[in-house]
PDB file of all heavy atoms in Angstrom:
ATOM      1  N   SER A   1     -13.308 -92.501 199.206  1.00  0.00           N
ATOM      2  CA  SER A   1     -14.048 -92.422 200.459  1.00  0.00           C
ATOM      3  C   SER A   1     -13.238 -91.677 201.513  1.00  0.00           C
ATOM      4  O   SER A   1     -13.778 -90.840 202.247  1.00  0.00           O
ATOM      5  CB  SER A   1     -14.372 -93.837 200.950  1.00  0.00           C
ATOM      6  OG  SER A   1     -15.042 -93.792 202.193  1.00  0.00           O
ATOM      7  N   ALA A   2     -11.936 -91.958 201.579  1.00  0.00           N
ATOM      8  CA  ALA A   2     -11.074 -91.281 202.547  1.00  0.00           C
ATOM      9  C   ALA A   2     -10.973 -89.799 202.232  1.00  0.00           C
ATOM     10  O   ALA A   2     -11.001 -88.949 203.143  1.00  0.00           O
ATOM     11  CB  ALA A   2      -9.689 -91.924 202.558  1.00  0.00           C
ATOM     12  N   ASP A   3     -10.845 -89.454 200.950  1.00  0.00           N
ATOM     13  CA  ASP A   3     -10.773 -88.045 200.551  1.00  0.00           C
ATOM     14  C   ASP A   3     -12.068 -87.306 200.897  1.00  0.00           C
ATOM     15  O   ASP A   3     -12.029 -86.162 201.364  1.00  0.00           O
ATOM     16  CB  ASP A   3     -10.496 -87.930 199.052  1.00  0.00           C
ATOM     17  CG  ASP A   3      -9.095 -88.375 198.669  1.00  0.00           C
ATOM     18  OD1 ASP A   3      -8.240 -88.487 199.572  1.00  0.00           O
ATOM     19  OD2 ASP A   3      -8.859 -88.620 197.471  1.00  0.00           O
ATOM     20  N   ARG A   4     -13.193 -87.964 200.647  1.00  0.00           N
ATOM     21  CA  ARG A   4     -14.487 -87.350 200.964  1.00  0.00           C
ATOM     22  C   ARG A   4     -14.617 -87.131 202.471  1.00  0.00           C
ATOM     23  O   ARG A   4     -15.063 -86.070 202.924  1.00  0.00           O
ATOM     24  CB  ARG A   4     -15.625 -88.237 200.457  1.00  0.00           C
ATOM     25  CG  ARG A   4     -17.011 -87.638 200.703  1.00  0.00           C
ATOM     26  CD  ARG A   4     -18.106 -88.456 200.039  1.00  0.00           C
ATOM     27  NE  ARG A   4     -18.150 -89.813 200.560  1.00  0.00           N
ATOM     28  CZ  ARG A   4     -17.753 -90.902 199.877  1.00  0.00           C
ATOM     29  NH1 ARG A   4     -17.280 -90.770 198.637  1.00  0.00           N
ATOM     30  NH2 ARG A   4     -17.844 -92.102 200.412  1.00  0.00           N
ATOM     31  N   ARG A   5     -14.219 -88.133 203.254  1.00  0.00           N
ATOM     32  CA  ARG A   5     -14.304 -88.010 204.702  1.00  0.00           C
ATOM     33  C   ARG A   5     -13.384 -86.899 205.212  1.00  0.00           C
ATOM     34  O   ARG A   5     -13.756 -86.128 206.096  1.00  0.00           O
ATOM     35  CB  ARG A   5     -13.910 -89.340 205.364  1.00  0.00           C
ATOM     36  CG  ARG A   5     -14.074 -89.358 206.877  1.00  0.00           C
ATOM     37  CD  ARG A   5     -15.477 -88.985 207.275  1.00  0.00           C
ATOM     38  NE  ARG A   5     -15.726 -89.165 208.696  1.00  0.00           N
ATOM     39  CZ  ARG A   5     -16.633 -88.496 209.384  1.00  0.00           C
ATOM     40  NH1 ARG A   5     -17.378 -87.579 208.764  1.00  0.00           N
ATOM     41  NH2 ARG A   5     -16.817 -88.729 210.664  1.00  0.00           N
ATOM     42  N   ARG A   6     -12.210 -86.761 204.605  1.00  0.00           N
ATOM     43  CA  ARG A   6     -11.278 -85.709 204.994  1.00  0.00           C
ATOM     44  C   ARG A   6     -11.881 -84.330 204.707  1.00  0.00           C
ATOM     45  O   ARG A   6     -11.777 -83.419 205.528  1.00  0.00           O
ATOM     46  CB  ARG A   6      -9.965 -85.890 204.231  1.00  0.00           C
ATOM     47  CG  ARG A   6      -8.862 -84.921 204.626  1.00  0.00           C
ATOM     48  CD  ARG A   6      -7.619 -85.206 203.786  1.00  0.00           C
ATOM     49  NE  ARG A   6      -6.563 -84.251 204.010  1.00  0.00           N
ATOM     50  CZ  ARG A   6      -5.626 -84.341 204.942  1.00  0.00           C
ATOM     51  NH1 ARG A   6      -5.628 -85.386 205.758  1.00  0.00           N
ATOM     52  NH2 ARG A   6      -4.699 -83.424 205.070  1.00  0.00           N
ATOM     53  N   ARG A   7     -12.531 -84.184 203.540  1.00  0.00           N
ATOM     54  CA  ARG A   7     -13.186 -82.916 203.217  1.00  0.00           C
ATOM     55  C   ARG A   7     -14.283 -82.600 204.222  1.00  0.00           C
ATOM     56  O   ARG A   7     -14.437 -81.442 204.643  1.00  0.00           O
ATOM     57  CB  ARG A   7     -13.760 -82.955 201.798  1.00  0.00           C
ATOM     58  CG  ARG A   7     -12.719 -82.831 200.693  1.00  0.00           C
ATOM     59  CD  ARG A   7     -13.383 -82.536 199.360  1.00  0.00           C
ATOM     60  NE  ARG A   7     -14.326 -83.573 198.964  1.00  0.00           N
ATOM     61  CZ  ARG A   7     -14.005 -84.659 198.274  1.00  0.00           C
ATOM     62  NH1 ARG A   7     -12.745 -84.854 197.907  1.00  0.00           N
ATOM     63  NH2 ARG A   7     -14.918 -85.541 197.943  1.00  0.00           N
ATOM     64  N   GLU A   8     -15.046 -83.600 204.614  1.00  0.00           N
ATOM     65  CA  GLU A   8     -16.120 -83.390 205.586  1.00  0.00           C
ATOM     66  C   GLU A   8     -15.564 -82.927 206.935  1.00  0.00           C
ATOM     67  O   GLU A   8     -16.137 -82.044 207.582  1.00  0.00           O
ATOM     68  CB  GLU A   8     -16.926 -84.684 205.763  1.00  0.00           C
ATOM     69  CG  GLU A   8     -17.749 -85.069 204.542  1.00  0.00           C
ATOM     70  CD  GLU A   8     -18.326 -86.476 204.634  1.00  0.00           C
ATOM     71  OE1 GLU A   8     -17.970 -87.212 205.590  1.00  0.00           O
ATOM     72  OE2 GLU A   8     -19.124 -86.851 203.754  1.00  0.00           O
ATOM     73  N   LEU A   9     -14.448 -83.517 207.337  1.00  0.00           N
ATOM     74  CA  LEU A   9     -13.831 -83.121 208.604  1.00  0.00           C
ATOM     75  C   LEU A   9     -13.274 -81.703 208.527  1.00  0.00           C
ATOM     76  O   LEU A   9     -13.358 -80.939 209.501  1.00  0.00           O
ATOM     77  CB  LEU A   9     -12.727 -84.115 208.976  1.00  0.00           C
ATOM     78  CG  LEU A   9     -13.204 -85.531 209.311  1.00  0.00           C
ATOM     79  CD1 LEU A   9     -12.011 -86.453 209.580  1.00  0.00           C
ATOM     80  CD2 LEU A   9     -14.141 -85.533 210.519  1.00  0.00           C
ATOM     81  N   LEU A  10     -12.704 -81.347 207.379  1.00  0.00           N
ATOM     82  CA  LEU A  10     -12.203 -79.978 207.212  1.00  0.00           C
ATOM     83  C   LEU A  10     -13.343 -78.973 207.218  1.00  0.00           C
ATOM     84  O   LEU A  10     -13.204 -77.863 207.752  1.00  0.00           O
ATOM     85  CB  LEU A  10     -11.400 -79.873 205.917  1.00  0.00           C
ATOM     86  CG  LEU A  10     -10.004 -80.515 205.941  1.00  0.00           C
ATOM     87  CD1 LEU A  10      -9.382 -80.467 204.553  1.00  0.00           C
ATOM     88  CD2 LEU A  10      -9.096 -79.826 206.953  1.00  0.00           C
ATOM     89  N   GLU A  11     -14.474 -79.341 206.647  1.00  0.00           N
ATOM     90  CA  GLU A  11     -15.627 -78.448 206.673  1.00  0.00           C
ATOM     91  C   GLU A  11     -16.147 -78.275 208.098  1.00  0.00           C
ATOM     92  O   GLU A  11     -16.547 -77.165 208.497  1.00  0.00           O
ATOM     93  CB  GLU A  11     -16.723 -78.995 205.751  1.00  0.00           C
ATOM     94  CG  GLU A  11     -16.382 -78.831 204.270  1.00  0.00           C
ATOM     95  CD  GLU A  11     -17.253 -79.675 203.368  1.00  0.00           C
ATOM     96  OE1 GLU A  11     -18.187 -80.339 203.886  1.00  0.00           O
ATOM     97  OE2 GLU A  11     -16.998 -79.687 202.141  1.00  0.00           O
ATOM     98  N   ALA A  12     -16.120 -79.353 208.888  1.00  0.00           N
ATOM     99  CA  ALA A  12     -16.508 -79.248 210.294  1.00  0.00           C
ATOM    100  C   ALA A  12     -15.528 -78.355 211.040  1.00  0.00           C
ATOM    101  O   ALA A  12     -15.923 -77.510 211.863  1.00  0.00           O
ATOM    102  CB  ALA A  12     -16.555 -80.641 210.931  1.00  0.00           C
ATOM    103  N   ALA A  13     -14.250 -78.518 210.757  1.00  0.00           N
ATOM    104  CA  ALA A  13     -13.235 -77.678 211.394  1.00  0.00           C
ATOM    105  C   ALA A  13     -13.442 -76.218 211.016  1.00  0.00           C
ATOM    106  O   ALA A  13     -13.307 -75.322 211.863  1.00  0.00           O
ATOM    107  CB  ALA A  13     -11.844 -78.151 210.992  1.00  0.00           C
ATOM    108  N   ASP A  14     -13.780 -75.967 209.766  1.00  0.00           N
ATOM    109  CA  ASP A  14     -14.037 -74.589 209.323  1.00  0.00           C
ATOM    110  C   ASP A  14     -15.179 -73.954 210.105  1.00  0.00           C
ATOM    111  O   ASP A  14     -15.122 -72.776 210.474  1.00  0.00           O
ATOM    112  CB  ASP A  14     -14.378 -74.577 207.831  1.00  0.00           C
ATOM    113  CG  ASP A  14     -13.187 -74.220 206.961  1.00  0.00           C
ATOM    114  OD1 ASP A  14     -12.186 -73.706 207.499  1.00  0.00           O
ATOM    115  OD2 ASP A  14     -13.253 -74.451 205.745  1.00  0.00           O
ATOM    116  N   ARG A  15     -16.220 -74.732 210.352  1.00  0.00           N
ATOM    117  CA  ARG A  15     -17.367 -74.186 211.092  1.00  0.00           C
ATOM    118  C   ARG A  15     -16.957 -73.793 212.511  1.00  0.00           C
ATOM    119  O   ARG A  15     -17.393 -72.756 213.032  1.00  0.00           O
ATOM    120  CB  ARG A  15     -18.521 -75.202 211.124  1.00  0.00           C
ATOM    121  CG  ARG A  15     -19.162 -75.449 209.761  1.00  0.00           C
ATOM    122  CD  ARG A  15     -20.467 -76.210 209.887  1.00  0.00           C
ATOM    123  NE  ARG A  15     -20.298 -77.573 210.366  1.00  0.00           N
ATOM    124  CZ  ARG A  15     -20.055 -78.624 209.579  1.00  0.00           C
ATOM    125  NH1 ARG A  15     -19.941 -78.464 208.255  1.00  0.00           N
ATOM    126  NH2 ARG A  15     -19.942 -79.838 210.096  1.00  0.00           N
ATOM    127  N   VAL A  16     -16.122 -74.606 213.128  1.00  0.00           N
ATOM    128  CA  VAL A  16     -15.654 -74.292 214.480  1.00  0.00           C
ATOM    129  C   VAL A  16     -14.744 -73.064 214.457  1.00  0.00           C
ATOM    130  O   VAL A  16     -14.835 -72.187 215.322  1.00  0.00           O
ATOM    131  CB  VAL A  16     -14.925 -75.503 215.097  1.00  0.00           C
ATOM    132  CG1 VAL A  16     -14.310 -75.133 216.447  1.00  0.00           C
ATOM    133  CG2 VAL A  16     -15.893 -76.667 215.271  1.00  0.00           C
ATOM    134  N   VAL A  17     -13.884 -72.986 213.465  1.00  0.00           N
ATOM    135  CA  VAL A  17     -12.968 -71.846 213.351  1.00  0.00           C
ATOM    136  C   VAL A  17     -13.760 -70.562 213.140  1.00  0.00           C
ATOM    137  O   VAL A  17     -13.444 -69.515 213.727  1.00  0.00           O
ATOM    138  CB  VAL A  17     -11.953 -72.072 212.217  1.00  0.00           C
ATOM    139  CG1 VAL A  17     -11.172 -70.796 211.920  1.00  0.00           C
ATOM    140  CG2 VAL A  17     -10.993 -73.199 212.574  1.00  0.00           C
ATOM    141  N   LEU A  18     -14.784 -70.599 212.309  1.00  0.00           N
ATOM    142  CA  LEU A  18     -15.618 -69.416 212.083  1.00  0.00           C
ATOM    143  C   LEU A  18     -16.299 -68.966 213.378  1.00  0.00           C
ATOM    144  O   LEU A  18     -16.539 -67.778 213.578  1.00  0.00           O
ATOM    145  CB  LEU A  18     -16.668 -69.715 211.016  1.00  0.00           C
ATOM    146  CG  LEU A  18     -16.174 -69.720 209.570  1.00  0.00           C
ATOM    147  CD1 LEU A  18     -17.255 -70.261 208.640  1.00  0.00           C
ATOM    148  CD2 LEU A  18     -15.778 -68.307 209.135  1.00  0.00           C
ATOM    149  N   ARG A  19     -16.580 -69.909 214.249  1.00  0.00           N
ATOM    150  CA  ARG A  19     -17.235 -69.588 215.519  1.00  0.00           C
ATOM    151  C   ARG A  19     -16.226 -69.170 216.592  1.00  0.00           C
ATOM    152  O   ARG A  19     -16.446 -68.196 217.318  1.00  0.00           O
ATOM    153  CB  ARG A  19     -18.015 -70.813 216.015  1.00  0.00           C
ATOM    154  CG  ARG A  19     -18.829 -70.576 217.284  1.00  0.00           C
ATOM    155  CD  ARG A  19     -19.442 -71.875 217.769  1.00  0.00           C
ATOM    156  NE  ARG A  19     -18.425 -72.773 218.323  1.00  0.00           N
ATOM    157  CZ  ARG A  19     -18.415 -74.095 218.131  1.00  0.00           C
ATOM    158  NH1 ARG A  19     -19.335 -74.673 217.375  1.00  0.00           N
ATOM    159  NH2 ARG A  19     -17.469 -74.825 218.688  1.00  0.00           N
ATOM    160  N   ASP A  20     -15.118 -69.902 216.687  1.00  0.00           N
ATOM    161  CA  ASP A  20     -14.194 -69.739 217.813  1.00  0.00           C
ATOM    162  C   ASP A  20     -12.876 -69.059 217.462  1.00  0.00           C
ATOM    163  O   ASP A  20     -12.110 -68.706 218.361  1.00  0.00           O
ATOM    164  CB  ASP A  20     -13.875 -71.105 218.433  1.00  0.00           C
ATOM    165  CG  ASP A  20     -15.111 -71.799 218.983  1.00  0.00           C
ATOM    166  OD1 ASP A  20     -16.121 -71.108 219.228  1.00  0.00           O
ATOM    167  OD2 ASP A  20     -15.058 -73.032 219.167  1.00  0.00           O
ATOM    168  N   GLY A  21     -12.585 -68.891 216.184  1.00  0.00           N
ATOM    169  CA  GLY A  21     -11.340 -68.259 215.790  1.00  0.00           C
ATOM    170  C   GLY A  21     -10.125 -68.995 216.314  1.00  0.00           C
ATOM    171  O   GLY A  21     -10.076 -70.231 216.290  1.00  0.00           O
ATOM    172  N   PRO A  22      -9.122 -68.272 216.823  1.00  0.00           N
ATOM    173  CA  PRO A  22      -7.891 -68.919 217.272  1.00  0.00           C
ATOM    174  C   PRO A  22      -8.075 -69.807 218.491  1.00  0.00           C
ATOM    175  O   PRO A  22      -7.169 -70.552 218.860  1.00  0.00           O
ATOM    176  CB  PRO A  22      -6.965 -67.734 217.584  1.00  0.00           C
ATOM    177  CG  PRO A  22      -7.872 -66.583 217.820  1.00  0.00           C
ATOM    178  CD  PRO A  22      -9.050 -66.806 216.929  1.00  0.00           C
ATOM    179  N   HIS A  23      -9.259 -69.765 219.133  1.00  0.00           N
ATOM    180  CA  HIS A  23      -9.531 -70.628 220.279  1.00  0.00           C
ATOM    181  C   HIS A  23     -10.127 -71.976 219.854  1.00  0.00           C
ATOM    182  O   HIS A  23     -10.472 -72.782 220.727  1.00  0.00           O
ATOM    183  CB  HIS A  23     -10.476 -69.926 221.252  1.00  0.00           C
ATOM    184  CG  HIS A  23      -9.861 -68.725 221.909  1.00  0.00           C
ATOM    185  ND1 HIS A  23      -9.033 -68.799 222.999  1.00  0.00           N
ATOM    186  CD2 HIS A  23      -9.925 -67.407 221.583  1.00  0.00           C
ATOM    187  CE1 HIS A  23      -8.622 -67.596 223.337  1.00  0.00           C
ATOM    188  NE2 HIS A  23      -9.151 -66.729 222.500  1.00  0.00           N
ATOM    189  N   ALA A  24     -10.249 -72.223 218.573  1.00  0.00           N
ATOM    190  CA  ALA A  24     -10.783 -73.508 218.106  1.00  0.00           C
ATOM    191  C   ALA A  24      -9.926 -74.645 218.637  1.00  0.00           C
ATOM    192  O   ALA A  24      -8.703 -74.617 218.533  1.00  0.00           O
ATOM    193  CB  ALA A  24     -10.813 -73.531 216.575  1.00  0.00           C
ATOM    194  N   SER A  25     -10.565 -75.662 219.204  1.00  0.00           N
ATOM    195  CA  SER A  25      -9.837 -76.785 219.799  1.00  0.00           C
ATOM    196  C   SER A  25     -10.161 -78.089 219.079  1.00  0.00           C
ATOM    197  O   SER A  25     -11.176 -78.210 218.384  1.00  0.00           O
ATOM    198  CB  SER A  25     -10.193 -76.919 221.275  1.00  0.00           C
ATOM    199  OG  SER A  25     -11.542 -77.365 221.417  1.00  0.00           O
ATOM    200  N   MET A  26      -9.294 -79.060 219.262  1.00  0.00           N
ATOM    201  CA  MET A  26      -9.537 -80.380 218.677  1.00  0.00           C
ATOM    202  C   MET A  26     -10.806 -80.997 219.254  1.00  0.00           C
ATOM    203  O   MET A  26     -11.564 -81.661 218.545  1.00  0.00           O
ATOM    204  CB  MET A  26      -8.335 -81.289 218.926  1.00  0.00           C
ATOM    205  CG  MET A  26      -7.056 -80.847 218.227  1.00  0.00           C
ATOM    206  SD  MET A  26      -7.145 -80.979 216.421  1.00  0.00           S
ATOM    207  CE  MET A  26      -6.790 -82.732 216.188  1.00  0.00           C
ATOM    208  N   ASN A  27     -11.053 -80.784 220.546  1.00  0.00           N
ATOM    209  CA  ASN A  27     -12.271 -81.326 221.152  1.00  0.00           C
ATOM    210  C   ASN A  27     -13.517 -80.754 220.482  1.00  0.00           C
ATOM    211  O   ASN A  27     -14.470 -81.482 220.167  1.00  0.00           O
ATOM    212  CB  ASN A  27     -12.307 -80.990 222.649  1.00  0.00           C
ATOM    213  CG  ASN A  27     -11.391 -81.885 223.465  1.00  0.00           C
ATOM    214  OD1 ASN A  27     -11.180 -83.037 223.104  1.00  0.00           O
ATOM    215  ND2 ASN A  27     -10.858 -81.358 224.552  1.00  0.00           N
ATOM    216  N   ALA A  28     -13.513 -79.427 220.255  1.00  0.00           N
ATOM    217  CA  ALA A  28     -14.673 -78.791 219.636  1.00  0.00           C
ATOM    218  C   ALA A  28     -14.848 -79.248 218.193  1.00  0.00           C
ATOM    219  O   ALA A  28     -15.978 -79.455 217.730  1.00  0.00           O
ATOM    220  CB  ALA A  28     -14.516 -77.277 219.705  1.00  0.00           C
ATOM    221  N   ILE A  29     -13.743 -79.403 217.488  1.00  0.00           N
ATOM    222  CA  ILE A  29     -13.814 -79.842 216.091  1.00  0.00           C
ATOM    223  C   ILE A  29     -14.332 -81.275 216.004  1.00  0.00           C
ATOM    224  O   ILE A  29     -15.177 -81.601 215.161  1.00  0.00           O
ATOM    225  CB  ILE A  29     -12.441 -79.692 215.416  1.00  0.00           C
ATOM    226  CG1 ILE A  29     -12.095 -78.207 215.269  1.00  0.00           C
ATOM    227  CG2 ILE A  29     -12.429 -80.375 214.040  1.00  0.00           C
ATOM    228  CD1 ILE A  29     -10.662 -77.939 214.864  1.00  0.00           C
ATOM    229  N   ALA A  30     -13.833 -82.141 216.871  1.00  0.00           N
ATOM    230  CA  ALA A  30     -14.306 -83.531 216.880  1.00  0.00           C
ATOM    231  C   ALA A  30     -15.800 -83.588 217.197  1.00  0.00           C
ATOM    232  O   ALA A  30     -16.555 -84.338 216.561  1.00  0.00           O
ATOM    233  CB  ALA A  30     -13.510 -84.346 217.903  1.00  0.00           C
ATOM    234  N   ALA A  31     -16.235 -82.777 218.164  1.00  0.00           N
ATOM    235  CA  ALA A  31     -17.656 -82.755 218.515  1.00  0.00           C
ATOM    236  C   ALA A  31     -18.499 -82.266 217.346  1.00  0.00           C
ATOM    237  O   ALA A  31     -19.576 -82.818 217.063  1.00  0.00           O
ATOM    238  CB  ALA A  31     -17.867 -81.868 219.741  1.00  0.00           C
ATOM    239  N   GLU A  32     -18.019 -81.226 216.651  1.00  0.00           N
ATOM    240  CA  GLU A  32     -18.755 -80.703 215.494  1.00  0.00           C
ATOM    241  C   GLU A  32     -18.882 -81.751 214.403  1.00  0.00           C
ATOM    242  O   GLU A  32     -19.913 -81.836 213.718  1.00  0.00           O
ATOM    243  CB  GLU A  32     -18.028 -79.478 214.954  1.00  0.00           C
ATOM    244  CG  GLU A  32     -18.639 -78.861 213.711  1.00  0.00           C
ATOM    245  CD  GLU A  32     -19.980 -78.201 213.959  1.00  0.00           C
ATOM    246  OE1 GLU A  32     -20.258 -77.797 215.112  1.00  0.00           O
ATOM    247  OE2 GLU A  32     -20.765 -78.082 212.990  1.00  0.00           O
TER     248      GLU A  32
END
C-alpha cells in the first residue's frame, strides 16, 4: 500500500513537472 501510494505521488509530481518544469513546487505537487 505504501509503495502504491508513493508511485501515485510521484505520478502527481511528474504532472506538475511537465507543466511547470524547474519551477515545480512542493505546494503545487501536494495540491495535484
